[in-house]
Structures are given as C-alpha cells and as structure tokens.
N, C-alpha and C. Protein backbone atom coordinates (compact mmCIF):
# COMPACT_ATOMS: atom_id res chain seq x y z
N MET A 1 49.65 15.88 -41.26
CA MET A 1 50.80 16.47 -41.27
C MET A 1 50.89 17.78 -41.09
N ARG A 2 51.86 17.99 -39.91
CA ARG A 2 52.42 19.30 -39.35
C ARG A 2 53.61 19.66 -40.13
N LEU A 3 53.18 21.09 -40.51
CA LEU A 3 54.45 21.64 -41.04
C LEU A 3 55.49 22.62 -39.80
N VAL A 4 56.54 22.38 -40.14
CA VAL A 4 57.26 23.11 -39.34
C VAL A 4 58.41 24.04 -40.03
N LEU A 5 58.76 25.19 -39.64
CA LEU A 5 59.42 26.25 -40.18
C LEU A 5 60.90 25.82 -39.31
N GLY A 6 61.69 24.98 -39.89
CA GLY A 6 62.94 24.76 -38.91
C GLY A 6 63.87 24.36 -39.74
N ASP A 7 64.93 23.55 -38.84
CA ASP A 7 66.15 22.82 -38.91
C ASP A 7 65.74 21.28 -38.79
N ILE A 8 65.88 20.25 -39.51
CA ILE A 8 65.30 19.13 -39.61
C ILE A 8 66.71 18.47 -38.60
N THR A 9 67.84 18.71 -38.96
CA THR A 9 69.05 18.02 -37.63
C THR A 9 68.28 18.60 -36.27
N LYS A 10 67.96 19.28 -35.96
CA LYS A 10 67.41 19.70 -34.79
C LYS A 10 66.11 18.85 -34.06
N MET A 11 65.58 18.26 -34.86
CA MET A 11 64.14 17.87 -34.64
C MET A 11 64.19 16.80 -33.35
N ASP A 12 63.25 16.80 -32.08
CA ASP A 12 63.21 15.67 -31.70
C ASP A 12 62.00 14.89 -31.89
N THR A 13 62.26 14.19 -32.77
CA THR A 13 61.70 12.71 -32.94
C THR A 13 62.22 12.04 -33.06
N ASP A 14 61.48 10.49 -33.38
CA ASP A 14 62.19 9.22 -33.42
C ASP A 14 63.06 9.26 -34.45
N ALA A 15 62.78 9.86 -35.92
CA ALA A 15 63.49 9.61 -36.52
C ALA A 15 63.46 10.74 -37.78
N ILE A 16 64.39 11.04 -38.44
CA ILE A 16 64.27 12.20 -39.39
C ILE A 16 65.08 11.61 -41.16
N VAL A 17 64.39 12.00 -42.13
CA VAL A 17 64.31 11.46 -43.13
C VAL A 17 65.74 12.72 -43.73
N ASN A 18 66.65 11.81 -44.25
CA ASN A 18 67.91 12.32 -45.15
C ASN A 18 67.56 12.25 -46.74
N ALA A 19 67.40 13.50 -47.45
CA ALA A 19 67.74 12.86 -48.80
C ALA A 19 69.01 12.64 -49.46
N ALA A 20 69.03 11.69 -49.64
CA ALA A 20 70.47 10.40 -49.90
C ALA A 20 70.68 10.59 -50.78
N SER A 21 72.30 10.22 -51.79
CA SER A 21 72.14 9.92 -52.96
C SER A 21 72.13 8.12 -52.98
N SER A 22 72.63 7.14 -53.78
CA SER A 22 71.97 5.58 -53.98
C SER A 22 73.20 5.51 -52.99
N ASP A 23 74.20 6.06 -53.25
CA ASP A 23 75.83 5.18 -53.37
C ASP A 23 75.56 6.05 -51.02
N LEU A 24 74.86 6.29 -50.39
CA LEU A 24 74.95 7.18 -48.97
C LEU A 24 76.20 7.73 -48.58
N ARG A 25 76.65 8.83 -49.54
CA ARG A 25 77.60 9.50 -49.01
C ARG A 25 76.70 10.51 -49.00
N PRO A 26 77.95 11.79 -48.42
CA PRO A 26 76.80 13.00 -48.38
C PRO A 26 77.08 13.83 -49.33
N CYS A 27 76.05 14.28 -49.68
CA CYS A 27 75.62 15.08 -51.19
C CYS A 27 75.23 16.49 -50.61
N PRO A 28 75.53 17.72 -51.41
CA PRO A 28 74.70 18.97 -50.99
C PRO A 28 73.39 19.02 -50.80
N GLY A 29 73.25 20.17 -49.68
CA GLY A 29 71.73 20.13 -49.21
C GLY A 29 71.70 19.60 -47.68
N ILE A 30 70.25 19.05 -47.99
CA ILE A 30 70.05 18.41 -46.48
C ILE A 30 70.79 17.10 -46.06
N CYS A 31 71.00 16.68 -46.82
CA CYS A 31 72.46 15.69 -46.59
C CYS A 31 73.52 15.94 -45.42
N SER A 32 74.41 16.84 -46.42
CA SER A 32 75.53 17.22 -45.95
C SER A 32 75.43 17.87 -44.64
N ALA A 33 74.14 18.57 -44.31
CA ALA A 33 73.78 19.03 -42.70
C ALA A 33 73.65 18.55 -41.95
N ILE A 34 72.65 17.20 -42.28
CA ILE A 34 72.85 16.20 -41.58
C ILE A 34 74.08 15.83 -41.13
N PHE A 35 75.05 15.23 -42.06
CA PHE A 35 75.90 14.44 -41.63
C PHE A 35 77.14 15.33 -40.92
N ALA A 36 76.99 16.07 -41.03
CA ALA A 36 78.05 17.58 -40.11
C ALA A 36 77.45 17.80 -38.85
N ALA A 37 76.02 17.37 -38.94
CA ALA A 37 75.40 17.82 -37.51
C ALA A 37 75.51 16.42 -36.50
N ALA A 38 75.47 15.27 -37.31
CA ALA A 38 75.41 14.05 -36.46
C ALA A 38 77.16 13.70 -36.04
N ASP A 39 77.60 13.27 -35.22
CA ASP A 39 79.14 12.08 -35.74
C ASP A 39 79.27 11.68 -37.12
N THR A 40 79.74 12.81 -37.83
CA THR A 40 80.16 12.27 -39.28
C THR A 40 80.91 10.84 -39.23
N GLU A 41 82.01 10.71 -38.51
CA GLU A 41 82.64 9.53 -39.10
C GLU A 41 82.21 8.28 -39.05
N LYS A 42 81.07 8.27 -37.59
CA LYS A 42 80.36 6.86 -37.30
C LYS A 42 79.44 6.96 -38.49
N LEU A 43 78.63 7.93 -38.64
CA LEU A 43 77.41 7.89 -40.05
C LEU A 43 78.13 7.14 -41.17
N LEU A 44 79.08 8.18 -41.44
CA LEU A 44 79.57 7.64 -42.44
C LEU A 44 80.02 6.00 -42.55
N ALA A 45 80.69 5.15 -41.91
CA ALA A 45 81.07 3.79 -41.35
C ALA A 45 79.92 3.40 -41.87
N ALA A 46 78.90 3.92 -40.79
CA ALA A 46 77.35 3.22 -40.66
C ALA A 46 76.67 2.94 -42.50
N CYS A 47 77.42 4.15 -42.66
CA CYS A 47 75.85 4.00 -44.53
C CYS A 47 77.30 3.21 -45.45
N LYS A 48 78.58 3.61 -44.78
CA LYS A 48 79.12 2.51 -45.93
C LYS A 48 78.87 0.64 -45.68
N LYS A 49 78.80 0.58 -44.63
CA LYS A 49 78.44 -0.62 -44.29
C LYS A 49 77.13 -1.57 -44.84
N ILE A 50 76.31 -0.16 -44.89
CA ILE A 50 75.06 -0.70 -45.61
C ILE A 50 75.36 -0.61 -47.45
N GLY A 51 76.03 0.44 -47.76
CA GLY A 51 76.69 -0.01 -49.32
C GLY A 51 75.78 1.14 -50.08
N ARG A 52 74.93 0.34 -50.54
CA ARG A 52 73.77 1.07 -51.62
C ARG A 52 72.43 1.57 -51.29
N CYS A 53 71.76 2.20 -51.54
CA CYS A 53 70.50 2.28 -51.65
C CYS A 53 69.54 2.66 -52.82
N ARG A 54 68.68 1.73 -53.35
CA ARG A 54 67.89 1.79 -54.74
C ARG A 54 67.35 3.02 -54.46
N ILE A 55 67.64 3.71 -55.71
CA ILE A 55 66.56 4.89 -55.96
C ILE A 55 64.81 4.84 -55.32
N GLY A 56 63.92 5.48 -54.76
CA GLY A 56 63.11 5.47 -54.08
C GLY A 56 62.54 4.38 -53.33
N LYS A 57 64.14 4.04 -52.65
CA LYS A 57 63.97 3.04 -51.40
C LYS A 57 64.53 3.80 -50.35
N ALA A 58 64.34 3.00 -48.95
CA ALA A 58 65.10 3.69 -47.87
C ALA A 58 65.97 2.42 -47.51
N VAL A 59 66.89 3.45 -46.07
CA VAL A 59 67.37 2.65 -45.46
C VAL A 59 67.55 3.17 -43.87
N ILE A 60 68.13 2.95 -42.94
CA ILE A 60 67.82 3.30 -41.69
C ILE A 60 69.74 3.11 -41.18
N THR A 61 69.57 4.55 -39.95
CA THR A 61 70.94 4.10 -39.44
C THR A 61 70.68 4.57 -37.98
N PRO A 62 71.21 4.43 -36.97
CA PRO A 62 71.36 5.42 -35.87
C PRO A 62 71.38 6.66 -36.07
N SER A 63 71.16 8.03 -35.20
CA SER A 63 71.31 8.81 -35.65
C SER A 63 72.78 9.75 -35.32
N PHE A 64 73.47 8.70 -34.20
CA PHE A 64 74.87 8.88 -34.01
C PHE A 64 74.88 10.48 -33.54
N GLY A 65 74.30 10.69 -32.28
CA GLY A 65 74.31 12.29 -31.53
C GLY A 65 73.35 13.38 -31.73
N LEU A 66 72.31 12.75 -32.81
CA LEU A 66 71.20 14.13 -33.05
C LEU A 66 70.28 13.70 -31.92
N ALA A 67 69.08 14.79 -32.15
CA ALA A 67 68.42 14.35 -31.11
C ALA A 67 67.23 13.34 -31.08
N CYS A 68 67.11 12.65 -32.86
CA CYS A 68 66.37 11.74 -32.87
C CYS A 68 66.90 10.44 -32.72
N LYS A 69 66.47 9.74 -32.69
CA LYS A 69 66.94 8.22 -33.35
C LYS A 69 67.38 7.85 -34.12
N TYR A 70 67.07 7.98 -35.23
CA TYR A 70 67.32 7.48 -36.37
C TYR A 70 67.47 8.33 -37.46
N ILE A 71 68.32 8.10 -38.61
CA ILE A 71 67.96 8.72 -39.50
C ILE A 71 67.75 7.76 -40.93
N ILE A 72 66.75 8.09 -41.30
CA ILE A 72 65.97 7.18 -42.47
C ILE A 72 66.59 7.63 -43.90
N HIS A 73 67.64 6.97 -44.33
CA HIS A 73 68.14 7.60 -45.73
C HIS A 73 67.29 7.34 -47.22
N VAL A 74 66.68 8.07 -47.61
CA VAL A 74 66.41 7.95 -49.10
C VAL A 74 66.90 8.36 -50.39
N ALA A 75 67.16 7.63 -51.32
CA ALA A 75 67.60 7.54 -52.30
C ALA A 75 66.90 8.21 -53.34
N GLY A 76 67.33 9.54 -53.59
CA GLY A 76 66.44 10.50 -54.91
C GLY A 76 66.52 10.19 -55.92
N VAL A 77 65.41 10.72 -56.67
CA VAL A 77 65.42 10.93 -58.14
C VAL A 77 65.50 12.11 -58.91
N GLY A 78 65.87 11.83 -59.58
CA GLY A 78 66.09 12.96 -60.90
C GLY A 78 64.76 13.38 -61.35
N TRP A 79 64.92 14.64 -62.06
CA TRP A 79 63.43 14.98 -62.78
C TRP A 79 63.90 15.11 -64.25
N TYR A 80 62.93 14.63 -64.83
CA TYR A 80 63.15 14.76 -66.39
C TYR A 80 62.10 15.05 -66.93
N SER A 81 61.70 16.37 -66.86
CA SER A 81 60.55 16.97 -67.48
C SER A 81 58.68 16.34 -67.41
N GLY A 82 59.20 16.00 -65.64
CA GLY A 82 57.69 15.48 -64.86
C GLY A 82 57.03 14.10 -66.07
N ARG A 83 57.91 13.14 -66.45
CA ARG A 83 57.27 11.57 -66.98
C ARG A 83 56.72 11.08 -65.78
N TYR A 84 55.41 11.03 -66.17
CA TYR A 84 54.70 9.91 -64.85
C TYR A 84 55.71 9.04 -63.99
N ASN A 85 56.87 8.43 -64.58
CA ASN A 85 57.80 7.33 -63.66
C ASN A 85 58.40 8.65 -62.92
N ASP A 86 58.34 9.88 -63.14
CA ASP A 86 59.22 10.65 -62.00
C ASP A 86 58.70 10.96 -60.78
N ARG A 87 57.18 10.76 -60.89
CA ARG A 87 56.39 11.41 -60.42
C ARG A 87 56.65 10.13 -59.09
N MET A 88 56.14 8.79 -59.95
CA MET A 88 55.84 7.79 -58.91
C MET A 88 57.07 7.33 -58.19
N LEU A 89 58.43 8.07 -58.96
CA LEU A 89 59.62 7.87 -57.78
C LEU A 89 59.63 8.43 -56.78
N PHE A 90 59.27 9.73 -56.67
CA PHE A 90 59.52 10.53 -56.25
C PHE A 90 58.60 10.58 -54.87
N ALA A 91 56.58 10.17 -55.52
CA ALA A 91 55.90 9.44 -54.18
C ALA A 91 56.51 8.37 -53.35
N ASP A 92 57.35 7.10 -54.29
CA ASP A 92 58.09 6.37 -53.77
C ASP A 92 59.25 7.04 -52.39
N CYS A 93 59.80 7.22 -52.66
CA CYS A 93 60.87 8.13 -52.10
C CYS A 93 60.12 8.30 -50.41
N TYR A 94 58.90 8.97 -50.62
CA TYR A 94 58.43 9.21 -49.09
C TYR A 94 57.69 7.88 -48.35
N ARG A 95 56.93 7.69 -49.48
CA ARG A 95 56.52 5.83 -49.05
C ARG A 95 57.26 5.46 -48.39
N SER A 96 58.56 5.26 -49.23
CA SER A 96 59.79 4.14 -48.34
C SER A 96 59.87 4.62 -46.97
N ALA A 97 60.37 6.16 -47.19
CA ALA A 97 60.51 6.95 -45.60
C ALA A 97 59.44 6.15 -44.81
N LEU A 98 58.29 6.72 -45.11
CA LEU A 98 57.32 6.62 -43.66
C LEU A 98 56.97 4.70 -43.56
N GLN A 99 57.37 4.32 -44.47
CA GLN A 99 56.93 2.56 -44.09
C GLN A 99 58.04 2.31 -43.56
N LYS A 100 59.61 2.60 -43.53
CA LYS A 100 60.52 2.30 -42.52
C LYS A 100 60.46 2.87 -41.45
N ALA A 101 59.68 4.10 -41.06
CA ALA A 101 59.59 4.94 -39.81
C ALA A 101 58.46 3.36 -39.07
N ALA A 102 57.62 3.42 -39.86
CA ALA A 102 56.47 2.49 -39.07
C ALA A 102 56.99 1.10 -39.16
N ALA A 103 57.70 0.54 -40.01
CA ALA A 103 58.50 -0.51 -39.29
C ALA A 103 59.36 -0.75 -38.09
N TYR A 104 60.05 0.45 -37.81
CA TYR A 104 60.85 0.82 -36.61
C TYR A 104 60.00 1.17 -35.14
N HIS A 105 58.77 1.22 -35.56
CA HIS A 105 58.18 1.71 -34.71
C HIS A 105 58.13 2.91 -33.90
N CYS A 106 58.33 3.75 -35.07
CA CYS A 106 58.80 5.07 -35.07
C CYS A 106 57.17 6.03 -34.36
N LYS A 107 57.03 6.60 -33.54
CA LYS A 107 55.89 7.08 -32.85
C LYS A 107 55.70 8.59 -33.67
N SER A 108 57.34 9.24 -34.06
CA SER A 108 57.60 10.68 -34.81
C SER A 108 58.24 10.97 -36.01
N VAL A 109 57.94 11.26 -36.93
CA VAL A 109 59.13 11.07 -38.07
C VAL A 109 58.82 12.77 -38.80
N ALA A 110 60.35 13.06 -38.95
CA ALA A 110 60.32 14.20 -39.41
C ALA A 110 61.10 14.35 -40.88
N ILE A 111 60.19 14.53 -41.96
CA ILE A 111 60.30 14.48 -43.47
C ILE A 111 60.98 16.00 -43.69
N PRO A 112 61.78 16.11 -44.50
CA PRO A 112 62.19 17.37 -45.27
C PRO A 112 61.31 17.54 -46.63
N LEU A 113 61.73 18.40 -47.55
CA LEU A 113 61.08 18.35 -48.96
C LEU A 113 62.23 18.02 -49.58
N MET A 114 62.06 16.90 -50.20
CA MET A 114 63.30 16.04 -51.06
C MET A 114 63.37 16.53 -52.29
N PHE A 115 64.17 16.88 -52.57
CA PHE A 115 64.57 16.23 -54.28
C PHE A 115 64.04 17.43 -55.37
N SER A 116 63.48 18.49 -54.41
CA SER A 116 62.98 19.54 -54.93
C SER A 116 63.64 20.69 -55.74
N GLY A 117 62.85 21.50 -56.22
CA GLY A 117 63.47 22.85 -56.47
C GLY A 117 64.91 22.53 -58.20
N ASP A 118 65.97 24.01 -57.67
CA ASP A 118 66.64 23.69 -58.72
C ASP A 118 67.00 22.08 -59.45
N PHE A 119 67.10 22.02 -60.69
CA PHE A 119 67.45 20.78 -61.09
C PHE A 119 66.49 19.23 -60.55
N HIS A 120 65.49 19.52 -59.86
CA HIS A 120 64.60 18.67 -59.35
C HIS A 120 63.36 18.86 -59.82
N ILE A 121 62.34 18.29 -59.29
CA ILE A 121 61.16 18.33 -59.25
C ILE A 121 60.41 19.95 -58.84
N PRO A 122 59.46 20.69 -59.65
CA PRO A 122 59.44 22.24 -58.96
C PRO A 122 58.36 21.75 -57.85
N ARG A 123 58.80 23.08 -56.94
CA ARG A 123 58.64 22.53 -55.44
C ARG A 123 56.83 22.89 -55.19
N ALA A 124 55.87 23.09 -55.80
CA ALA A 124 54.76 23.08 -55.87
C ALA A 124 54.14 21.55 -56.16
N GLN A 125 54.62 20.88 -57.15
CA GLN A 125 54.42 19.62 -57.87
C GLN A 125 54.64 18.83 -56.38
N ALA A 126 56.05 19.12 -56.10
CA ALA A 126 56.68 17.99 -54.98
C ALA A 126 55.48 18.28 -53.65
N LEU A 127 55.32 19.29 -53.04
CA LEU A 127 54.22 19.40 -52.39
C LEU A 127 52.86 18.63 -52.45
N GLN A 128 52.48 18.97 -53.43
CA GLN A 128 51.26 18.38 -53.88
C GLN A 128 51.45 16.95 -53.89
N ILE A 129 52.54 15.71 -54.13
CA ILE A 129 52.72 14.61 -54.34
C ILE A 129 52.64 14.46 -52.72
N VAL A 130 53.42 14.99 -52.26
CA VAL A 130 53.83 14.81 -50.54
C VAL A 130 52.37 14.62 -49.89
N ALA A 131 51.77 15.74 -50.20
CA ALA A 131 50.73 15.91 -49.49
C ALA A 131 49.47 14.64 -49.69
N ASP A 132 49.63 14.26 -50.77
CA ASP A 132 48.65 13.23 -51.28
C ASP A 132 49.36 11.98 -50.55
N VAL A 133 50.67 11.75 -50.32
CA VAL A 133 51.26 10.37 -49.82
C VAL A 133 51.19 10.20 -48.24
N VAL A 134 51.47 11.38 -47.32
CA VAL A 134 51.44 11.59 -46.56
C VAL A 134 49.38 11.38 -46.00
N SER A 135 48.98 11.82 -46.69
CA SER A 135 47.41 12.10 -46.32
C SER A 135 46.94 10.34 -46.46
N GLY A 136 47.57 9.75 -47.35
CA GLY A 136 47.13 8.18 -47.59
C GLY A 136 48.02 7.42 -46.91
N PHE A 137 49.19 7.76 -46.03
CA PHE A 137 49.59 6.93 -45.31
C PHE A 137 49.36 7.43 -43.92
N GLU A 138 48.83 8.65 -43.56
CA GLU A 138 47.87 8.61 -42.27
C GLU A 138 46.66 8.02 -42.06
N LYS A 139 46.13 7.62 -42.69
CA LYS A 139 45.16 6.71 -42.91
C LYS A 139 45.35 5.48 -42.48
N SER A 140 46.17 4.61 -42.75
CA SER A 140 46.36 3.35 -42.43
C SER A 140 47.47 3.46 -41.11
N HIS A 141 48.12 4.59 -40.81
CA HIS A 141 49.19 4.72 -39.69
C HIS A 141 48.63 6.03 -38.75
N PRO A 142 47.74 6.04 -37.62
CA PRO A 142 47.16 7.47 -37.65
C PRO A 142 47.63 7.63 -36.39
N SER A 143 48.42 6.73 -36.03
CA SER A 143 49.27 7.41 -34.58
C SER A 143 50.87 7.96 -35.04
N LEU A 144 51.03 7.77 -36.16
CA LEU A 144 52.64 8.25 -36.51
C LEU A 144 52.51 9.67 -36.99
N GLU A 145 53.17 10.47 -36.10
CA GLU A 145 53.14 12.21 -36.24
C GLU A 145 54.42 12.41 -36.90
N ILE A 146 53.84 12.89 -38.23
CA ILE A 146 54.59 13.12 -39.15
C ILE A 146 54.73 14.73 -38.97
N SER A 147 56.12 15.39 -39.31
CA SER A 147 56.11 16.47 -39.75
C SER A 147 56.97 16.87 -41.04
N LEU A 148 56.86 17.75 -41.53
CA LEU A 148 57.20 18.18 -42.81
C LEU A 148 58.02 19.92 -42.03
N VAL A 149 59.20 19.66 -42.73
CA VAL A 149 60.05 20.24 -41.90
C VAL A 149 61.04 21.18 -43.20
N LEU A 150 60.45 22.51 -43.33
CA LEU A 150 60.74 23.54 -44.59
C LEU A 150 62.00 24.49 -43.74
N TYR A 151 62.69 24.82 -44.85
CA TYR A 151 63.84 25.71 -43.84
C TYR A 151 64.06 26.69 -44.57
N LYS A 152 63.10 27.12 -45.20
CA LYS A 152 62.53 28.57 -45.67
C LYS A 152 61.17 29.18 -45.46
N GLN A 153 61.36 30.23 -45.41
CA GLN A 153 60.27 30.90 -45.30
C GLN A 153 59.05 31.17 -46.26
N SER A 154 59.66 31.13 -47.51
CA SER A 154 59.05 30.94 -48.78
C SER A 154 58.50 29.71 -49.23
N ILE A 155 59.69 28.39 -48.75
CA ILE A 155 58.65 27.16 -49.14
C ILE A 155 57.58 26.93 -48.29
N TYR A 156 58.14 27.30 -47.13
CA TYR A 156 56.69 26.82 -46.16
C TYR A 156 55.37 27.53 -46.34
N ASP A 157 55.46 28.97 -46.81
CA ASP A 157 54.53 29.40 -46.85
C ASP A 157 53.53 28.77 -48.30
N LEU A 158 54.49 28.47 -49.35
CA LEU A 158 53.74 27.69 -50.28
C LEU A 158 53.19 26.38 -49.61
N ALA A 159 53.85 25.76 -49.09
CA ALA A 159 53.49 24.25 -48.43
C ALA A 159 51.77 24.61 -47.57
N LYS A 160 52.19 25.84 -46.82
CA LYS A 160 50.82 26.17 -46.01
C LYS A 160 49.77 26.57 -47.33
N LYS A 161 49.87 26.83 -48.22
CA LYS A 161 48.92 27.39 -49.36
C LYS A 161 48.35 25.74 -49.98
N ILE A 162 49.34 25.52 -50.42
CA ILE A 162 49.42 23.97 -50.76
C ILE A 162 48.22 22.81 -49.86
N ILE A 163 49.39 22.49 -49.18
CA ILE A 163 48.43 21.63 -48.05
C ILE A 163 47.13 22.11 -47.44
N SER A 164 46.65 23.50 -47.53
CA SER A 164 45.32 23.69 -46.91
C SER A 164 44.45 23.46 -48.12
N ASN A 165 44.72 23.71 -49.11
CA ASN A 165 43.74 23.86 -50.59
C ASN A 165 43.66 21.96 -50.59
N ALA A 166 44.80 21.12 -50.42
CA ALA A 166 44.50 19.92 -50.36
C ALA A 166 43.65 18.88 -49.64
N GLN A 167 43.79 19.84 -48.13
CA GLN A 167 43.05 19.30 -47.07
C GLN A 167 41.29 19.96 -47.65
N LYS A 168 40.68 20.84 -48.64
CA LYS A 168 39.58 21.26 -48.59
C LYS A 168 38.76 20.01 -49.24
C-alpha cells in the first residue's frame, strides 16, 4: 500500500472509494467532496438508481468526470465504544471496496481513511485495521495498486508511523 498526501478526487486511478451513507446521498466530508468534484446531477441519479447500500458493503458507479473510471461507494459504520462487531464492520468496509475494485478488473484504487476521527473509530485504530485488511488483500491480489489517500499532514504522519510499524 502506498501512502499519498492529497485530494482523492484528483487521483488518476481506475477507482476511488467514497465514504458513503447507506442511502448513497451526499454526506459531509469526503463524500461531499467527491459529489462536488464529479458531475453531481449524474452521480446523484446513478446513486438513486442503485437505491441503498448495506453497512460494510460496496456498490460502484461511473466517475462522471473525475480522473478515475469508477467510484466505489461504501456504506459506513458507526463507532460504539469499540465493540468487536464495530471493528469487523469497519474492516468489511475496506474489504468490500477492494473486492469490488478487483471484480471490476481495476489495476489501481485510491482509498481514503473512512469513518474515523470525530464520532467514529479513533484514527490510530482505524489505520491499524486498514493496514491489516490491505496487507491481507494484497497477498491474494498482488497486481492491484492500492493507495491510501490522506488529506491532512498530521493524519499522513500518523499513518506513516503505524504502517511502518505494521510492516516490521
């Protein structure tokens, strides 16, 4: 997995991953940024046609004007004091997104740090789970180039530390 400090909406990968709500409507954060950067009306129509997405699962749409081909929408999970089920559902979000990218024969995918921070999973725990999921996925899909795209220097620095420790 490659770490990138930047804007996921500008990634020139086969797919980018969107931290979506289960009704696939724009919600604050990365989701709103993706809808704003794409052709919003077309993306809204495509999401409306799909309808809903179960928590921890992924659906896919065209990118509607972004540099990537596809947007993989993952319905997110809340964080209720770190119960085992919360961690499993959080991992499922990433696993489902990567499986969807592989199913669509993507050679590259950009993923954000989803559903973490305020009112969600603590970032350090989130990054550790992401590192574990991606590491396991890369073993069975070595040709898929996975980029973890982080928008803040402080989160990027934390990710670098956690990922390098996980690889030791």
